[in-house]
C-alpha atoms as a PDB file:
ATOM      1  CA  UNK A   1      -0.249   0.027   0.268  1.00  0.00           C
ATOM      2  CA  UNK A   2       1.805   3.558  -0.986  1.00  0.00           C
ATOM      3  CA  UNK A   3       1.358   6.255   1.321  1.00  0.00           C
ATOM      4  CA  UNK A   4      -1.377   9.234  -0.178  1.00  0.00           C
ATOM      5  CA  UNK A   5       0.651  12.157  -2.089  1.00  0.00           C
ATOM      6  CA  UNK A   6       0.520  15.356  -0.408  1.00  0.00           C
ATOM      7  CA  UNK A   7      -2.811  17.213  -0.479  1.00  0.00           C
ATOM      8  CA  UNK A   8      -4.669  13.490  -1.640  1.00  0.00           C
ATOM      9  CA  UNK A   9      -8.029  12.751   0.124  1.00  0.00           C
ATOM     10  CA  UNK A  10      -8.092   9.292   1.885  1.00  0.00           C
ATOM     11  CA  UNK A  11     -11.521   7.539   1.338  1.00  0.00           C
ATOM     12  CA  UNK A  12     -13.035   6.054   4.781  1.00  0.00           C
ATOM     13  CA  UNK A  13     -15.540   3.709   3.829  1.00  0.00           C
ATOM     14  CA  UNK A  14     -18.597   3.261   5.793  1.00  0.00           C
ATOM     15  CA  UNK A  15     -18.161  -0.274   6.437  1.00  0.00           C
ATOM     16  CA  UNK A  16     -14.526   0.503   7.716  1.00  0.00           C
ATOM     17  CA  UNK A  17     -15.776   2.961  10.334  1.00  0.00           C
ATOM     18  CA  UNK A  18     -19.180   0.804  11.519  1.00  0.00           C
ATOM     19  CA  UNK A  19     -16.027  -1.948  12.066  1.00  0.00           C
ATOM     20  CA  UNK A  20     -14.186   0.352  14.009  1.00  0.00           C
ATOM     21  CA  UNK A  21     -17.020   1.824  15.889  1.00  0.00           C
ATOM     22  CA  UNK A  22     -20.859   1.940  15.084  1.00  0.00           C
ATOM     23  CA  UNK A  23     -21.514   5.354  16.686  1.00  0.00           C
ATOM     24  CA  UNK A  24     -19.039   7.027  15.035  1.00  0.00           C
ATOM     25  CA  UNK A  25     -19.977   5.638  11.573  1.00  0.00           C
ATOM     26  CA  UNK A  26     -23.223   7.323  12.698  1.00  0.00           C
ATOM     27  CA  UNK A  27     -21.553  10.743  13.407  1.00  0.00           C
ATOM     28  CA  UNK A  28     -19.367  10.538  10.431  1.00  0.00           C
ATOM     29  CA  UNK A  29     -22.755   9.490   8.318  1.00  0.00           C
ATOM     30  CA  UNK A  30     -24.435  12.860   9.922  1.00  0.00           C
ATOM     31  CA  UNK A  31     -21.541  15.261   8.993  1.00  0.00           C
ATOM     32  CA  UNK A  32     -21.045  13.803   5.437  1.00  0.00           C
ATOM     33  CA  UNK A  33     -24.641  14.609   4.465  1.00  0.00           C
ATOM     34  CA  UNK A  34     -26.886  17.063   7.082  1.00  0.00           C
ATOM     35  CA  UNK A  35     -23.933  18.283   8.958  1.00  0.00           C
ATOM     36  CA  UNK A  36     -22.233  19.637   6.083  1.00  0.00           C
ATOM     37  CA  UNK A  37     -25.110  21.789   5.543  1.00  0.00           C
ATOM     38  CA  UNK A  38     -24.923  23.639   8.222  1.00  0.00           C
ATOM     39  CA  UNK A  39     -22.010  26.399   7.872  1.00  0.00           C
ATOM     40  CA  UNK A  40     -21.824  27.938  11.325  1.00  0.00           C
ATOM     41  CA  UNK A  41     -18.716  26.529  12.999  1.00  0.00           C
ATOM     42  CA  UNK A  42     -20.248  26.635  16.699  1.00  0.00           C
ATOM     43  CA  UNK A  43     -23.438  25.022  15.854  1.00  0.00           C
ATOM     44  CA  UNK A  44     -21.826  22.640  13.860  1.00  0.00           C
ATOM     45  CA  UNK A  45     -19.359  22.285  16.313  1.00  0.00           C
ATOM     46  CA  UNK A  46     -22.069  21.587  19.389  1.00  0.00           C
ATOM     47  CA  UNK A  47     -23.916  19.152  17.433  1.00  0.00           C
ATOM     48  CA  UNK A  48     -21.022  17.309  16.051  1.00  0.00           C
ATOM     49  CA  UNK A  49     -19.964  16.783  19.812  1.00  0.00           C
ATOM     50  CA  UNK A  50     -23.211  16.160  21.107  1.00  0.00           C
ATOM     51  CA  UNK A  51     -23.951  13.151  18.654  1.00  0.00           C
ATOM     52  CA  UNK A  52     -20.171  12.130  19.634  1.00  0.00           C
ATOM     53  CA  UNK A  53     -21.270  11.812  23.103  1.00  0.00           C
ATOM     54  CA  UNK A  54     -24.695  10.060  22.353  1.00  0.00           C
ATOM     55  CA  UNK A  55     -23.131   7.368  20.269  1.00  0.00           C
ATOM     56  CA  UNK A  56     -21.171   6.434  23.160  1.00  0.00           C
ATOM     57  CA  UNK A  57     -17.796   8.113  22.617  1.00  0.00           C
ATOM     58  CA  UNK A  58     -16.573   9.646  25.706  1.00  0.00           C
ATOM     59  CA  UNK A  59     -15.541  13.021  24.977  1.00  0.00           C
ATOM     60  CA  UNK A  60     -15.293  15.576  28.151  1.00  0.00           C
ATOM     61  CA  UNK A  61     -13.578  18.647  26.121  1.00  0.00           C
ATOM     62  CA  UNK A  62     -13.271  19.499  22.340  1.00  0.00           C
ATOM     63  CA  UNK A  63     -11.141  22.746  20.930  1.00  0.00           C
ATOM     64  CA  UNK A  64     -11.076  23.947  17.510  1.00  0.00           C
ATOM     65  CA  UNK A  65      -8.991  26.707  16.278  1.00  0.00           C
ATOM     66  CA  UNK A  66      -9.036  28.185  12.981  1.00  0.00           C
ATOM     67  CA  UNK A  67      -6.396  30.874  12.180  1.00  0.00           C
ATOM     68  CA  UNK A  68      -7.856  34.238  10.628  1.00  0.00           C
ATOM     69  CA  UNK A  69      -6.532  36.628   8.045  1.00  0.00           C
ATOM     70  CA  UNK A  70      -7.655  39.480  10.196  1.00  0.00           C
ATOM     71  CA  UNK A  71      -5.675  42.271  10.886  1.00  0.00           C
ATOM     72  CA  UNK A  72      -5.946  41.912  14.954  1.00  0.00           C
ATOM     73  CA  UNK A  73      -7.578  38.371  15.448  1.00  0.00           C
ATOM     74  CA  UNK A  74      -5.294  35.432  14.683  1.00  0.00           C
ATOM     75  CA  UNK A  75      -7.592  32.806  15.569  1.00  0.00           C
ATOM     76  CA  UNK A  76     -11.189  31.798  16.669  1.00  0.00           C
ATOM     77  CA  UNK A  77     -11.679  29.100  18.336  1.00  0.00           C
ATOM     78  CA  UNK A  78     -14.747  26.919  19.938  1.00  0.00           C
ATOM     79  CA  UNK A  79     -14.799  25.433  22.752  1.00  0.00           C
ATOM     80  CA  UNK A  80     -17.344  22.458  23.775  1.00  0.00           C
ATOM     81  CA  UNK A  81     -17.421  20.835  27.168  1.00  0.00           C
ATOM     82  CA  UNK A  82     -19.952  17.678  27.950  1.00  0.00           C
ATOM     83  CA  UNK A  83     -22.550  19.017  30.345  1.00  0.00           C
ATOM     84  CA  UNK A  84     -22.250  22.885  28.665  1.00  0.00           C
ATOM     85  CA  UNK A  85     -24.983  24.315  26.723  1.00  0.00           C
ATOM     86  CA  UNK A  86     -23.294  24.957  23.750  1.00  0.00           C
ATOM     87  CA  UNK A  87     -19.854  25.836  22.345  1.00  0.00           C
ATOM     88  CA  UNK A  88     -18.206  28.883  23.548  1.00  0.00           C
ATOM     89  CA  UNK A  89     -16.088  31.092  20.584  1.00  0.00           C
ATOM     90  CA  UNK A  90     -13.041  32.561  21.686  1.00  0.00           C
ATOM     91  CA  UNK A  91     -11.143  35.039  20.021  1.00  0.00           C
ATOM     92  CA  UNK A  92      -7.391  35.469  20.124  1.00  0.00           C
ATOM     93  CA  UNK A  93      -5.142  38.614  19.336  1.00  0.00           C
ATOM     94  CA  UNK A  94      -2.427  38.142  17.715  1.00  0.00           C
ATOM     95  CA  UNK A  95      -0.262  39.237  20.244  1.00  0.00           C
ATOM     96  CA  UNK A  96      -1.111  35.551  21.897  1.00  0.00           C
ATOM     97  CA  UNK A  97       1.539  34.316  19.282  1.00  0.00           C
ATOM     98  CA  UNK A  98       4.577  36.339  21.563  1.00  0.00           C
ATOM     99  CA  UNK A  99       3.344  34.413  24.528  1.00  0.00           C
ATOM    100  CA  UNK A 100       5.179  31.424  26.969  1.00  0.00           C
ATOM    101  CA  UNK A 101       1.369  29.620  26.636  1.00  0.00           C
ATOM    102  CA  UNK A 102       1.191  29.393  22.817  1.00  0.00           C
ATOM    103  CA  UNK A 103       4.863  29.110  22.216  1.00  0.00           C
ATOM    104  CA  UNK A 104       4.532  25.847  24.798  1.00  0.00           C
ATOM    105  CA  UNK A 105       1.085  24.678  23.706  1.00  0.00           C
ATOM    106  CA  UNK A 106       0.373  20.971  22.165  1.00  0.00           C
ATOM    107  CA  UNK A 107      -2.048  22.843  19.731  1.00  0.00           C
ATOM    108  CA  UNK A 108       0.898  25.285  18.431  1.00  0.00           C
ATOM    109  CA  UNK A 109       3.307  22.369  17.775  1.00  0.00           C
ATOM    110  CA  UNK A 110       0.953  20.071  16.086  1.00  0.00           C
ATOM    111  CA  UNK A 111       0.332  22.999  13.344  1.00  0.00           C
ATOM    112  CA  UNK A 112       4.373  23.562  13.277  1.00  0.00           C
ATOM    113  CA  UNK A 113       4.317  19.822  12.538  1.00  0.00           C
ATOM    114  CA  UNK A 114       1.737  18.570  11.315  1.00  0.00           C
ATOM    115  CA  UNK A 115       1.466  15.371  13.549  1.00  0.00           C
ATOM    116  CA  UNK A 116      -0.851  14.256  15.696  1.00  0.00           C
ATOM    117  CA  UNK A 117      -0.175  14.369  19.499  1.00  0.00           C
ATOM    118  CA  UNK A 118      -1.579  11.751  22.559  1.00  0.00           C
ATOM    119  CA  UNK A 119      -0.780  11.619  26.197  1.00  0.00           C
ATOM    120  CA  UNK A 120      -2.552   9.159  28.185  1.00  0.00           C
ATOM    121  CA  UNK A 121      -3.208  11.830  31.538  1.00  0.00           C
ATOM    122  CA  UNK A 122      -4.044   9.160  33.716  1.00  0.00           C
ATOM    123  CA  UNK A 123      -0.488   7.206  33.210  1.00  0.00           C
ATOM    124  CA  UNK A 124       1.902   8.462  35.573  1.00  0.00           C
ATOM    125  CA  UNK A 125       4.638   7.014  33.833  1.00  0.00           C
ATOM    126  CA  UNK A 126       3.693   9.740  30.782  1.00  0.00           C
ATOM    127  CA  UNK A 127       5.775  13.120  31.018  1.00  0.00           C
ATOM    128  CA  UNK A 128       3.454  15.869  30.785  1.00  0.00           C
ATOM    129  CA  UNK A 129       5.550  17.648  28.374  1.00  0.00           C
ATOM    130  CA  UNK A 130       3.248  20.878  28.146  1.00  0.00           C
ATOM    131  CA  UNK A 131       1.559  22.820  30.820  1.00  0.00           C
ATOM    132  CA  UNK A 132      -1.887  22.690  29.662  1.00  0.00           C
ATOM    133  CA  UNK A 133      -1.629  19.019  29.651  1.00  0.00           C
ATOM    134  CA  UNK A 134      -1.379  19.174  33.866  1.00  0.00           C
ATOM    135  CA  UNK A 135      -4.220  21.302  34.139  1.00  0.00           C
ATOM    136  CA  UNK A 136      -6.426  18.900  31.747  1.00  0.00           C
ATOM    137  CA  UNK A 137      -5.026  16.109  34.595  1.00  0.00           C
ATOM    138  CA  UNK A 138      -5.820  18.190  37.566  1.00  0.00           C
ATOM    139  CA  UNK A 139      -9.277  18.739  36.542  1.00  0.00           C
ATOM    140  CA  UNK A 140      -9.711  14.741  35.514  1.00  0.00           C
ATOM    141  CA  UNK A 141      -8.834  14.365  31.998  1.00  0.00           C
ATOM    142  CA  UNK A 142      -7.414  10.845  31.603  1.00  0.00           C
ATOM    143  CA  UNK A 143      -6.948  11.188  27.644  1.00  0.00           C
ATOM    144  CA  UNK A 144      -5.584  14.179  25.586  1.00  0.00           C
ATOM    145  CA  UNK A 145      -5.621  14.142  21.504  1.00  0.00           C
ATOM    146  CA  UNK A 146      -4.825  17.021  19.008  1.00  0.00           C
ATOM    147  CA  UNK A 147      -4.926  16.422  15.453  1.00  0.00           C
ATOM    148  CA  UNK A 148      -4.153  18.592  12.825  1.00  0.00           C
ATOM    149  CA  UNK A 149      -6.670  19.669  10.183  1.00  0.00           C
ATOM    150  CA  UNK A 150      -5.283  20.371   7.272  1.00  0.00           C
ATOM    151  CA  UNK A 151      -7.050  22.560   4.816  1.00  0.00           C
ATOM    152  CA  UNK A 152      -7.065  22.034   0.790  1.00  0.00           C
ATOM    153  CA  UNK A 153      -4.657  24.981   0.618  1.00  0.00           C
ATOM    154  CA  UNK A 154      -2.372  23.290   2.901  1.00  0.00           C
ATOM    155  CA  UNK A 155      -2.896  25.704   5.926  1.00  0.00           C
ATOM    156  CA  UNK A 156      -2.849  23.432   8.835  1.00  0.00           C
ATOM    157  CA  UNK A 157      -5.180  24.257  11.711  1.00  0.00           C
ATOM    158  CA  UNK A 158      -5.877  22.079  14.880  1.00  0.00           C
ATOM    159  CA  UNK A 159      -8.758  20.423  16.910  1.00  0.00           C
ATOM    160  CA  UNK A 160      -8.083  18.436  20.197  1.00  0.00           C
ATOM    161  CA  UNK A 161      -9.776  16.175  22.157  1.00  0.00           C
ATOM    162  CA  UNK A 162     -10.277  15.221  25.471  1.00  0.00           C
ATOM    163  CA  UNK A 163     -11.530  12.547  27.933  1.00  0.00           C
ATOM    164  CA  UNK A 164     -12.354  11.574  31.674  1.00  0.00           C
ATOM    165  CA  UNK A 165     -13.273   8.612  31.083  1.00  0.00           C
ATOM    166  CA  UNK A 166     -11.145   5.847  33.350  1.00  0.00           C
ATOM    167  CA  UNK A 167      -8.933   4.317  30.835  1.00  0.00           C
ATOM    168  CA  UNK A 168      -9.102   6.994  28.411  1.00  0.00           C
ATOM    169  CA  UNK A 169      -9.924   6.881  24.843  1.00  0.00           C
ATOM    170  CA  UNK A 170     -10.091   3.156  23.136  1.00  0.00           C
ATOM    171  CA  UNK A 171      -7.195   3.191  20.574  1.00  0.00           C
ATOM    172  CA  UNK A 172      -9.290   1.785  17.597  1.00  0.00           C
END
């Protein structure tokens, strides 16, 4: 099997998604059909995360950041937390890019490298190399995943997922 060329899309077959997690397959089907008609990022994210939890996936928090071309706003982010009403929008001004918290963020690393980061927060042997992960662990987080979202232009943005489920996310 060859690796897809840069910028190529990889098709995920519905049967494969169903075999991995039937609930995930339902969420993906919704995203590809009804969900894609929603052009409001906050509403789409809220609906998607709610469906993920209803599908039996133990999502506790989701974060999605999209860079902007705005002269004052570097990125818009949406944070969804289980048990709260709706997703919250956060706008980050360009000055945030000069802060230690930004420089030492797993999201910055994923955006820079295009490589996903996963940390099993409940494992005491795991080195928490990002300060925010220690915060998530203290709040009850057990597993953290940050993934690149590569746009058709090649721009990389980031989405992260956090669970509080004992044992974290499954590997499937």
